[in-house]
């Protein structure tokens, strides 16, 4: 990746990342107002959860301190999520 234009850093700014995502979405013919960086974050987390049912792993990936935050973020039922979390060994 190109260094940040604002600082001598190899990291992208949030704005640079958003511009890249917008360019990708536009390039594949989708409406850029419907997709963004947060959409990608949420979709990735949802796909990982759906495939693994590992709520704790998703919690760690998202950086959530509370399992309840992850449950709300994914939009799943609390009872189902807590049951799965109890069944998942970490």
PDB file of N, CA and C in Angstrom:
ATOM      1  N   UNK A   1       0.836  -1.183   0.000  1.00  0.00           N
ATOM      2  CA  UNK A   1       0.000   0.000   0.000  1.00  0.00           C
ATOM      3  C   UNK A   1       0.886   1.253   0.000  1.00  0.00           C
ATOM      4  N   UNK A   2       0.313   2.311  -0.441  1.00  0.00           N
ATOM      5  CA  UNK A   2       1.036   3.588  -0.455  1.00  0.00           C
ATOM      6  C   UNK A   2       1.059   4.177   0.949  1.00  0.00           C
ATOM      7  N   UNK A   3       2.127   4.837   1.284  1.00  0.00           N
ATOM      8  CA  UNK A   3       2.170   5.496   2.595  1.00  0.00           C
ATOM      9  C   UNK A   3       1.100   6.587   2.698  1.00  0.00           C
ATOM     10  N   UNK A   4       0.742   6.893   3.900  1.00  0.00           N
ATOM     11  CA  UNK A   4      -0.226   7.956   4.137  1.00  0.00           C
ATOM     12  C   UNK A   4       0.291   9.272   3.563  1.00  0.00           C
ATOM     13  N   UNK A   5      -0.596  10.061   3.017  1.00  0.00           N
ATOM     14  CA  UNK A   5      -0.203  11.357   2.470  1.00  0.00           C
ATOM     15  C   UNK A   5      -0.021  12.395   3.566  1.00  0.00           C
ATOM     16  N   UNK A   6      -0.619  12.148   4.705  1.00  0.00           N
ATOM     17  CA  UNK A   6      -0.539  13.123   5.782  1.00  0.00           C
ATOM     18  C   UNK A   6       0.658  12.904   6.699  1.00  0.00           C
ATOM     19  N   UNK A   7       1.069  11.670   6.837  1.00  0.00           N
ATOM     20  CA  UNK A   7       2.145  11.339   7.768  1.00  0.00           C
ATOM     21  C   UNK A   7       3.090  10.348   7.101  1.00  0.00           C
ATOM     22  N   UNK A   8       4.307  10.307   7.567  1.00  0.00           N
ATOM     23  CA  UNK A   8       5.264   9.326   7.069  1.00  0.00           C
ATOM     24  C   UNK A   8       4.968   7.984   7.737  1.00  0.00           C
ATOM     25  N   UNK A   9       3.921   7.313   7.253  1.00  0.00           N
ATOM     26  CA  UNK A   9       3.459   6.078   7.861  1.00  0.00           C
ATOM     27  C   UNK A   9       3.011   5.114   6.780  1.00  0.00           C
ATOM     28  N   UNK A  10       3.134   3.825   7.054  1.00  0.00           N
ATOM     29  CA  UNK A  10       2.654   2.815   6.120  1.00  0.00           C
ATOM     30  C   UNK A  10       1.165   2.523   6.316  1.00  0.00           C
ATOM     31  N   UNK A  11       0.552   3.163   7.313  1.00  0.00           N
ATOM     32  CA  UNK A  11      -0.843   2.918   7.618  1.00  0.00           C
ATOM     33  C   UNK A  11      -1.756   3.824   6.797  1.00  0.00           C
ATOM     34  N   UNK A  12      -2.904   3.287   6.442  1.00  0.00           N
ATOM     35  CA  UNK A  12      -3.909   4.082   5.745  1.00  0.00           C
ATOM     36  C   UNK A  12      -4.780   4.805   6.762  1.00  0.00           C
ATOM     37  N   UNK A  13      -5.184   5.998   6.406  1.00  0.00           N
ATOM     38  CA  UNK A  13      -6.143   6.686   7.263  1.00  0.00           C
ATOM     39  C   UNK A  13      -7.524   6.098   7.015  1.00  0.00           C
ATOM     40  N   UNK A  14      -8.436   6.393   7.894  1.00  0.00           N
ATOM     41  CA  UNK A  14      -9.811   5.934   7.739  1.00  0.00           C
ATOM     42  C   UNK A  14     -10.388   6.468   6.435  1.00  0.00           C
ATOM     43  N   UNK A  15     -10.105   7.698   6.137  1.00  0.00           N
ATOM     44  CA  UNK A  15     -10.614   8.332   4.906  1.00  0.00           C
ATOM     45  C   UNK A  15     -10.024   7.668   3.665  1.00  0.00           C
ATOM     46  N   UNK A  16      -8.721   7.364   3.685  1.00  0.00           N
ATOM     47  CA  UNK A  16      -8.100   6.692   2.541  1.00  0.00           C
ATOM     48  C   UNK A  16      -8.735   5.321   2.318  1.00  0.00           C
ATOM     49  N   UNK A  17      -8.951   4.599   3.398  1.00  0.00           N
ATOM     50  CA  UNK A  17      -9.572   3.291   3.318  1.00  0.00           C
ATOM     51  C   UNK A  17     -10.978   3.407   2.727  1.00  0.00           C
ATOM     52  N   UNK A  18     -11.734   4.396   3.170  1.00  0.00           N
ATOM     53  CA  UNK A  18     -13.087   4.613   2.656  1.00  0.00           C
ATOM     54  C   UNK A  18     -13.055   4.911   1.159  1.00  0.00           C
ATOM     55  N   UNK A  19     -12.098   5.690   0.711  1.00  0.00           N
ATOM     56  CA  UNK A  19     -11.987   5.994  -0.720  1.00  0.00           C
ATOM     57  C   UNK A  19     -11.671   4.739  -1.531  1.00  0.00           C
ATOM     58  N   UNK A  20     -10.812   3.888  -0.993  1.00  0.00           N
ATOM     59  CA  UNK A  20     -10.462   2.643  -1.687  1.00  0.00           C
ATOM     60  C   UNK A  20     -11.686   1.745  -1.804  1.00  0.00           C
ATOM     61  N   UNK A  21     -12.423   1.596  -0.708  1.00  0.00           N
ATOM     62  CA  UNK A  21     -13.634   0.765  -0.730  1.00  0.00           C
ATOM     63  C   UNK A  21     -14.635   1.331  -1.731  1.00  0.00           C
ATOM     64  N   UNK A  22     -14.814   2.635  -1.737  1.00  0.00           N
ATOM     65  CA  UNK A  22     -15.742   3.264  -2.675  1.00  0.00           C
ATOM     66  C   UNK A  22     -15.325   2.980  -4.117  1.00  0.00           C
ATOM     67  N   UNK A  23     -14.036   3.059  -4.393  1.00  0.00           N
ATOM     68  CA  UNK A  23     -13.543   2.785  -5.748  1.00  0.00           C
ATOM     69  C   UNK A  23     -13.787   1.326  -6.135  1.00  0.00           C
ATOM     70  N   UNK A  24     -13.550   0.394  -5.211  1.00  0.00           N
ATOM     71  CA  UNK A  24     -13.796  -1.030  -5.493  1.00  0.00           C
ATOM     72  C   UNK A  24     -15.272  -1.279  -5.779  1.00  0.00           C
ATOM     73  N   UNK A  25     -16.128  -0.738  -4.934  1.00  0.00           N
ATOM     74  CA  UNK A  25     -17.572  -0.947  -5.083  1.00  0.00           C
ATOM     75  C   UNK A  25     -18.043  -0.364  -6.415  1.00  0.00           C
ATOM     76  N   UNK A  26     -17.588   0.814  -6.747  1.00  0.00           N
ATOM     77  CA  UNK A  26     -17.953   1.451  -8.010  1.00  0.00           C
ATOM     78  C   UNK A  26     -17.434   0.632  -9.193  1.00  0.00           C
ATOM     79  N   UNK A  27     -16.214   0.130  -9.078  1.00  0.00           N
ATOM     80  CA  UNK A  27     -15.588  -0.629 -10.165  1.00  0.00           C
ATOM     81  C   UNK A  27     -16.354  -1.907 -10.503  1.00  0.00           C
ATOM     82  N   UNK A  28     -17.018  -2.501  -9.522  1.00  0.00           N
ATOM     83  CA  UNK A  28     -17.771  -3.725  -9.805  1.00  0.00           C
ATOM     84  C   UNK A  28     -19.246  -3.448 -10.073  1.00  0.00           C
ATOM     85  N   UNK A  29     -19.575  -2.161 -10.206  1.00  0.00           N
ATOM     86  CA  UNK A  29     -20.909  -1.788 -10.636  1.00  0.00           C
ATOM     87  C   UNK A  29     -21.966  -1.711  -9.559  1.00  0.00           C
ATOM     88  N   UNK A  30     -21.563  -1.636  -8.299  1.00  0.00           N
ATOM     89  CA  UNK A  30     -22.531  -1.505  -7.209  1.00  0.00           C
ATOM     90  C   UNK A  30     -22.687  -0.044  -6.818  1.00  0.00           C
ATOM     91  N   UNK A  31     -23.753   0.245  -6.124  1.00  0.00           N
ATOM     92  CA  UNK A  31     -24.025   1.600  -5.657  1.00  0.00           C
ATOM     93  C   UNK A  31     -23.151   1.901  -4.447  1.00  0.00           C
ATOM     94  N   UNK A  32     -22.215   2.838  -4.569  1.00  0.00           N
ATOM     95  CA  UNK A  32     -21.300   3.117  -3.452  1.00  0.00           C
ATOM     96  C   UNK A  32     -21.978   3.707  -2.223  1.00  0.00           C
ATOM     97  N   UNK A  33     -23.203   4.200  -2.359  1.00  0.00           N
ATOM     98  CA  UNK A  33     -23.901   4.708  -1.175  1.00  0.00           C
ATOM     99  C   UNK A  33     -24.458   3.572  -0.328  1.00  0.00           C
ATOM    100  N   UNK A  34     -24.459   2.352  -0.878  1.00  0.00           N
ATOM    101  CA  UNK A  34     -24.998   1.197  -0.161  1.00  0.00           C
ATOM    102  C   UNK A  34     -23.915   0.378   0.540  1.00  0.00           C
ATOM    103  N   UNK A  35     -22.652   0.670   0.255  1.00  0.00           N
ATOM    104  CA  UNK A  35     -21.556  -0.124   0.810  1.00  0.00           C
ATOM    105  C   UNK A  35     -20.466   0.794   1.324  1.00  0.00           C
ATOM    106  N   UNK A  36     -19.860   0.390   2.425  1.00  0.00           N
ATOM    107  CA  UNK A  36     -18.782   1.195   2.983  1.00  0.00           C
ATOM    108  C   UNK A  36     -17.898   0.344   3.876  1.00  0.00           C
ATOM    109  N   UNK A  37     -16.993   0.989   4.568  1.00  0.00           N
ATOM    110  CA  UNK A  37     -16.052   0.265   5.415  1.00  0.00           C
ATOM    111  C   UNK A  37     -16.769  -0.466   6.547  1.00  0.00           C
ATOM    112  N   UNK A  38     -17.766   0.151   7.114  1.00  0.00           N
ATOM    113  CA  UNK A  38     -18.488  -0.506   8.204  1.00  0.00           C
ATOM    114  C   UNK A  38     -19.288  -1.699   7.688  1.00  0.00           C
ATOM    115  N   UNK A  39     -19.839  -1.573   6.495  1.00  0.00           N
ATOM    116  CA  UNK A  39     -20.576  -2.683   5.882  1.00  0.00           C
ATOM    117  C   UNK A  39     -19.668  -3.896   5.745  1.00  0.00           C
ATOM    118  N   UNK A  40     -18.434  -3.667   5.286  1.00  0.00           N
ATOM    119  CA  UNK A  40     -17.486  -4.768   5.127  1.00  0.00           C
ATOM    120  C   UNK A  40     -17.140  -5.389   6.475  1.00  0.00           C
ATOM    121  N   UNK A  41     -16.939  -4.553   7.472  1.00  0.00           N
ATOM    122  CA  UNK A  41     -16.611  -5.053   8.815  1.00  0.00           C
ATOM    123  C   UNK A  41     -17.732  -5.934   9.349  1.00  0.00           C
ATOM    124  N   UNK A  42     -18.944  -5.441   9.226  1.00  0.00           N
ATOM    125  CA  UNK A  42     -20.090  -6.184   9.748  1.00  0.00           C
ATOM    126  C   UNK A  42     -20.328  -7.468   8.957  1.00  0.00           C
ATOM    127  N   UNK A  43     -20.191  -7.407   7.640  1.00  0.00           N
ATOM    128  CA  UNK A  43     -20.387  -8.588   6.802  1.00  0.00           C
ATOM    129  C   UNK A  43     -19.366  -9.662   7.123  1.00  0.00           C
ATOM    130  N   UNK A  44     -18.108  -9.270   7.253  1.00  0.00           N
ATOM    131  CA  UNK A  44     -17.052 -10.240   7.577  1.00  0.00           C
ATOM    132  C   UNK A  44     -17.348 -10.921   8.908  1.00  0.00           C
ATOM    133  N   UNK A  45     -17.705 -10.149   9.903  1.00  0.00           N
ATOM    134  CA  UNK A  45     -18.009 -10.709  11.220  1.00  0.00           C
ATOM    135  C   UNK A  45     -19.211 -11.647  11.141  1.00  0.00           C
ATOM    136  N   UNK A  46     -20.225 -11.261  10.400  1.00  0.00           N
ATOM    137  CA  UNK A  46     -21.423 -12.093  10.264  1.00  0.00           C
ATOM    138  C   UNK A  46     -21.111 -13.403   9.558  1.00  0.00           C
ATOM    139  N   UNK A  47     -20.286 -13.345   8.520  1.00  0.00           N
ATOM    140  CA  UNK A  47     -19.912 -14.564   7.795  1.00  0.00           C
ATOM    141  C   UNK A  47     -19.100 -15.513   8.671  1.00  0.00           C
ATOM    142  N   UNK A  48     -18.171 -14.957   9.442  1.00  0.00           N
ATOM    143  CA  UNK A  48     -17.366 -15.796  10.341  1.00  0.00           C
ATOM    144  C   UNK A  48     -18.273 -16.458  11.375  1.00  0.00           C
ATOM    145  N   UNK A  49     -19.181 -15.671  11.933  1.00  0.00           N
ATOM    146  CA  UNK A  49     -20.094 -16.223  12.930  1.00  0.00           C
ATOM    147  C   UNK A  49     -20.979 -17.306  12.315  1.00  0.00           C
ATOM    148  N   UNK A  50     -21.525 -17.036  11.143  1.00  0.00           N
ATOM    149  CA  UNK A  50     -22.431 -17.984  10.496  1.00  0.00           C
ATOM    150  C   UNK A  50     -21.723 -19.306  10.183  1.00  0.00           C
ATOM    151  N   UNK A  51     -20.463 -19.227   9.762  1.00  0.00           N
ATOM    152  CA  UNK A  51     -19.729 -20.442   9.396  1.00  0.00           C
ATOM    153  C   UNK A  51     -19.214 -21.215  10.599  1.00  0.00           C
ATOM    154  N   UNK A  52     -18.817 -20.519  11.654  1.00  0.00           N
ATOM    155  CA  UNK A  52     -18.171 -21.191  12.788  1.00  0.00           C
ATOM    156  C   UNK A  52     -19.048 -21.291  14.022  1.00  0.00           C
ATOM    157  N   UNK A  53     -20.018 -20.395  14.142  1.00  0.00           N
ATOM    158  CA  UNK A  53     -20.834 -20.265  15.357  1.00  0.00           C
ATOM    159  C   UNK A  53     -19.967 -19.965  16.583  1.00  0.00           C
ATOM    160  N   UNK A  54     -18.768 -19.454  16.346  1.00  0.00           N
ATOM    161  CA  UNK A  54     -17.837 -19.142  17.429  1.00  0.00           C
ATOM    162  C   UNK A  54     -17.973 -17.660  17.787  1.00  0.00           C
ATOM    163  N   UNK A  55     -18.862 -17.400  18.706  1.00  0.00           N
ATOM    164  CA  UNK A  55     -19.155 -16.034  19.109  1.00  0.00           C
ATOM    165  C   UNK A  55     -17.951 -15.367  19.771  1.00  0.00           C
ATOM    166  N   UNK A  56     -17.206 -16.126  20.536  1.00  0.00           N
ATOM    167  CA  UNK A  56     -16.022 -15.576  21.215  1.00  0.00           C
ATOM    168  C   UNK A  56     -14.973 -15.116  20.200  1.00  0.00           C
ATOM    169  N   UNK A  57     -14.762 -15.889  19.150  1.00  0.00           N
ATOM    170  CA  UNK A  57     -13.794 -15.502  18.122  1.00  0.00           C
ATOM    171  C   UNK A  57     -14.220 -14.201  17.448  1.00  0.00           C
ATOM    172  N   UNK A  58     -15.490 -14.088  17.148  1.00  0.00           N
ATOM    173  CA  UNK A  58     -15.999 -12.868  16.528  1.00  0.00           C
ATOM    174  C   UNK A  58     -15.844 -11.688  17.485  1.00  0.00           C
ATOM    175  N   UNK A  59     -16.124 -11.921  18.752  1.00  0.00           N
ATOM    176  CA  UNK A  59     -15.958 -10.874  19.759  1.00  0.00           C
ATOM    177  C   UNK A  59     -14.515 -10.366  19.756  1.00  0.00           C
ATOM    178  N   UNK A  60     -13.557 -11.280  19.744  1.00  0.00           N
ATOM    179  CA  UNK A  60     -12.145 -10.890  19.735  1.00  0.00           C
ATOM    180  C   UNK A  60     -11.773 -10.144  18.458  1.00  0.00           C
ATOM    181  N   UNK A  61     -12.244 -10.627  17.323  1.00  0.00           N
ATOM    182  CA  UNK A  61     -11.940  -9.972  16.048  1.00  0.00           C
ATOM    183  C   UNK A  61     -12.482  -8.548  15.985  1.00  0.00           C
ATOM    184  N   UNK A  62     -13.646  -8.341  16.565  1.00  0.00           N
ATOM    185  CA  UNK A  62     -14.252  -7.012  16.544  1.00  0.00           C
ATOM    186  C   UNK A  62     -13.704  -6.095  17.631  1.00  0.00           C
ATOM    187  N   UNK A  63     -13.032  -6.680  18.607  1.00  0.00           N
ATOM    188  CA  UNK A  63     -12.493  -5.871  19.697  1.00  0.00           C
ATOM    189  C   UNK A  63     -13.530  -5.478  20.725  1.00  0.00           C
ATOM    190  N   UNK A  64     -14.602  -6.232  20.804  1.00  0.00           N
ATOM    191  CA  UNK A  64     -15.638  -5.939  21.796  1.00  0.00           C
ATOM    192  C   UNK A  64     -15.223  -6.497  23.163  1.00  0.00           C
ATOM    193  N   UNK A  65     -15.445  -5.736  24.203  1.00  0.00           N
ATOM    194  CA  UNK A  65     -15.117  -6.211  25.552  1.00  0.00           C
ATOM    195  C   UNK A  65     -16.257  -7.031  26.144  1.00  0.00           C
ATOM    196  N   UNK A  66     -17.479  -6.757  25.711  1.00  0.00           N
ATOM    197  CA  UNK A  66     -18.638  -7.475  26.241  1.00  0.00           C
ATOM    198  C   UNK A  66     -19.251  -8.346  25.154  1.00  0.00           C
ATOM    199  N   UNK A  67     -19.559  -9.576  25.527  1.00  0.00           N
ATOM    200  CA  UNK A  67     -20.183 -10.506  24.600  1.00  0.00           C
ATOM    201  C   UNK A  67     -21.539  -9.973  24.133  1.00  0.00           C
ATOM    202  N   UNK A  68     -22.232  -9.286  25.024  1.00  0.00           N
ATOM    203  CA  UNK A  68     -23.534  -8.729  24.683  1.00  0.00           C
ATOM    204  C   UNK A  68     -23.432  -7.717  23.542  1.00  0.00           C
ATOM    205  N   UNK A  69     -22.333  -6.973  23.488  1.00  0.00           N
ATOM    206  CA  UNK A  69     -22.126  -6.016  22.399  1.00  0.00           C
ATOM    207  C   UNK A  69     -22.015  -6.737  21.064  1.00  0.00           C
ATOM    208  N   UNK A  70     -21.316  -7.850  21.059  1.00  0.00           N
ATOM    209  CA  UNK A  70     -21.153  -8.641  19.841  1.00  0.00           C
ATOM    210  C   UNK A  70     -22.486  -9.229  19.409  1.00  0.00           C
ATOM    211  N   UNK A  71     -23.249  -9.701  20.369  1.00  0.00           N
ATOM    212  CA  UNK A  71     -24.572 -10.266  20.082  1.00  0.00           C
ATOM    213  C   UNK A  71     -25.453  -9.213  19.414  1.00  0.00           C
ATOM    214  N   UNK A  72     -25.488  -8.012  19.976  1.00  0.00           N
ATOM    215  CA  UNK A  72     -26.294  -6.933  19.400  1.00  0.00           C
ATOM    216  C   UNK A  72     -25.772  -6.554  18.016  1.00  0.00           C
ATOM    217  N   UNK A  73     -24.460  -6.478  17.870  1.00  0.00           N
ATOM    218  CA  UNK A  73     -23.834  -6.101  16.596  1.00  0.00           C
ATOM    219  C   UNK A  73     -24.220  -7.073  15.495  1.00  0.00           C
ATOM    220  N   UNK A  74     -24.235  -8.358  15.817  1.00  0.00           N
ATOM    221  CA  UNK A  74     -24.578  -9.381  14.831  1.00  0.00           C
ATOM    222  C   UNK A  74     -26.079  -9.531  14.630  1.00  0.00           C
ATOM    223  N   UNK A  75     -26.857  -9.025  15.585  1.00  0.00           N
ATOM    224  CA  UNK A  75     -28.304  -9.105  15.477  1.00  0.00           C
ATOM    225  C   UNK A  75     -28.840 -10.504  15.718  1.00  0.00           C
ATOM    226  N   UNK A  76     -28.229 -11.214  16.649  1.00  0.00           N
ATOM    227  CA  UNK A  76     -28.694 -12.561  16.964  1.00  0.00           C
ATOM    228  C   UNK A  76     -29.384 -12.559  18.315  1.00  0.00           C
ATOM    229  N   UNK A  77     -30.123 -13.599  18.589  1.00  0.00           N
ATOM    230  CA  UNK A  77     -30.849 -13.692  19.843  1.00  0.00           C
ATOM    231  C   UNK A  77     -29.879 -13.938  20.998  1.00  0.00           C
ATOM    232  N   UNK A  78     -30.046 -13.220  22.072  1.00  0.00           N
ATOM    233  CA  UNK A  78     -29.147 -13.303  23.219  1.00  0.00           C
ATOM    234  C   UNK A  78     -29.083 -14.720  23.788  1.00  0.00           C
ATOM    235  N   UNK A  79     -30.227 -15.361  23.976  1.00  0.00           N
ATOM    236  CA  UNK A  79     -30.240 -16.711  24.549  1.00  0.00           C
ATOM    237  C   UNK A  79     -29.466 -17.691  23.675  1.00  0.00           C
ATOM    238  N   UNK A  80     -29.678 -17.616  22.352  1.00  0.00           N
ATOM    239  CA  UNK A  80     -28.956 -18.495  21.425  1.00  0.00           C
ATOM    240  C   UNK A  80     -27.457 -18.226  21.493  1.00  0.00           C
ATOM    241  N   UNK A  81     -27.094 -16.962  21.514  1.00  0.00           N
ATOM    242  CA  UNK A  81     -25.688 -16.593  21.533  1.00  0.00           C
ATOM    243  C   UNK A  81     -25.007 -17.054  22.813  1.00  0.00           C
ATOM    244  N   UNK A  82     -25.652 -16.851  23.949  1.00  0.00           N
ATOM    245  CA  UNK A  82     -25.050 -17.251  25.216  1.00  0.00           C
ATOM    246  C   UNK A  82     -24.911 -18.765  25.306  1.00  0.00           C
ATOM    247  N   UNK A  83     -25.893 -19.483  24.787  1.00  0.00           N
ATOM    248  CA  UNK A  83     -25.815 -20.943  24.771  1.00  0.00           C
ATOM    249  C   UNK A  83     -24.628 -21.407  23.923  1.00  0.00           C
ATOM    250  N   UNK A  84     -24.466 -20.798  22.752  1.00  0.00           N
ATOM    251  CA  UNK A  84     -23.337 -21.162  21.884  1.00  0.00           C
ATOM    252  C   UNK A  84     -22.003 -20.787  22.524  1.00  0.00           C
ATOM    253  N   UNK A  85     -21.962 -19.646  23.175  1.00  0.00           N
ATOM    254  CA  UNK A  85     -20.727 -19.208  23.824  1.00  0.00           C
ATOM    255  C   UNK A  85     -20.327 -20.170  24.929  1.00  0.00           C
ATOM    256  N   UNK A  86     -21.303 -20.662  25.673  1.00  0.00           N
ATOM    257  CA  UNK A  86     -21.008 -21.618  26.737  1.00  0.00           C
ATOM    258  C   UNK A  86     -20.503 -22.942  26.183  1.00  0.00           C
ATOM    259  N   UNK A  87     -20.923 -23.292  24.993  1.00  0.00           N
ATOM    260  CA  UNK A  87     -20.502 -24.544  24.359  1.00  0.00           C
ATOM    261  C   UNK A  87     -19.146 -24.419  23.669  1.00  0.00           C
ATOM    262  N   UNK A  88     -18.661 -23.198  23.512  1.00  0.00           N
ATOM    263  CA  UNK A  88     -17.401 -22.957  22.804  1.00  0.00           C
ATOM    264  C   UNK A  88     -16.264 -22.853  23.799  1.00  0.00           C
ATOM    265  N   UNK A  89     -15.298 -23.746  23.638  1.00  0.00           N
ATOM    266  CA  UNK A  89     -14.133 -23.714  24.521  1.00  0.00           C
ATOM    267  C   UNK A  89     -13.099 -22.738  23.989  1.00  0.00           C
ATOM    268  N   UNK A  90     -12.522 -21.967  24.897  1.00  0.00           N
ATOM    269  CA  UNK A  90     -11.491 -21.002  24.517  1.00  0.00           C
ATOM    270  C   UNK A  90     -10.266 -21.272  25.360  1.00  0.00           C
TER     271      UNK A  90
END
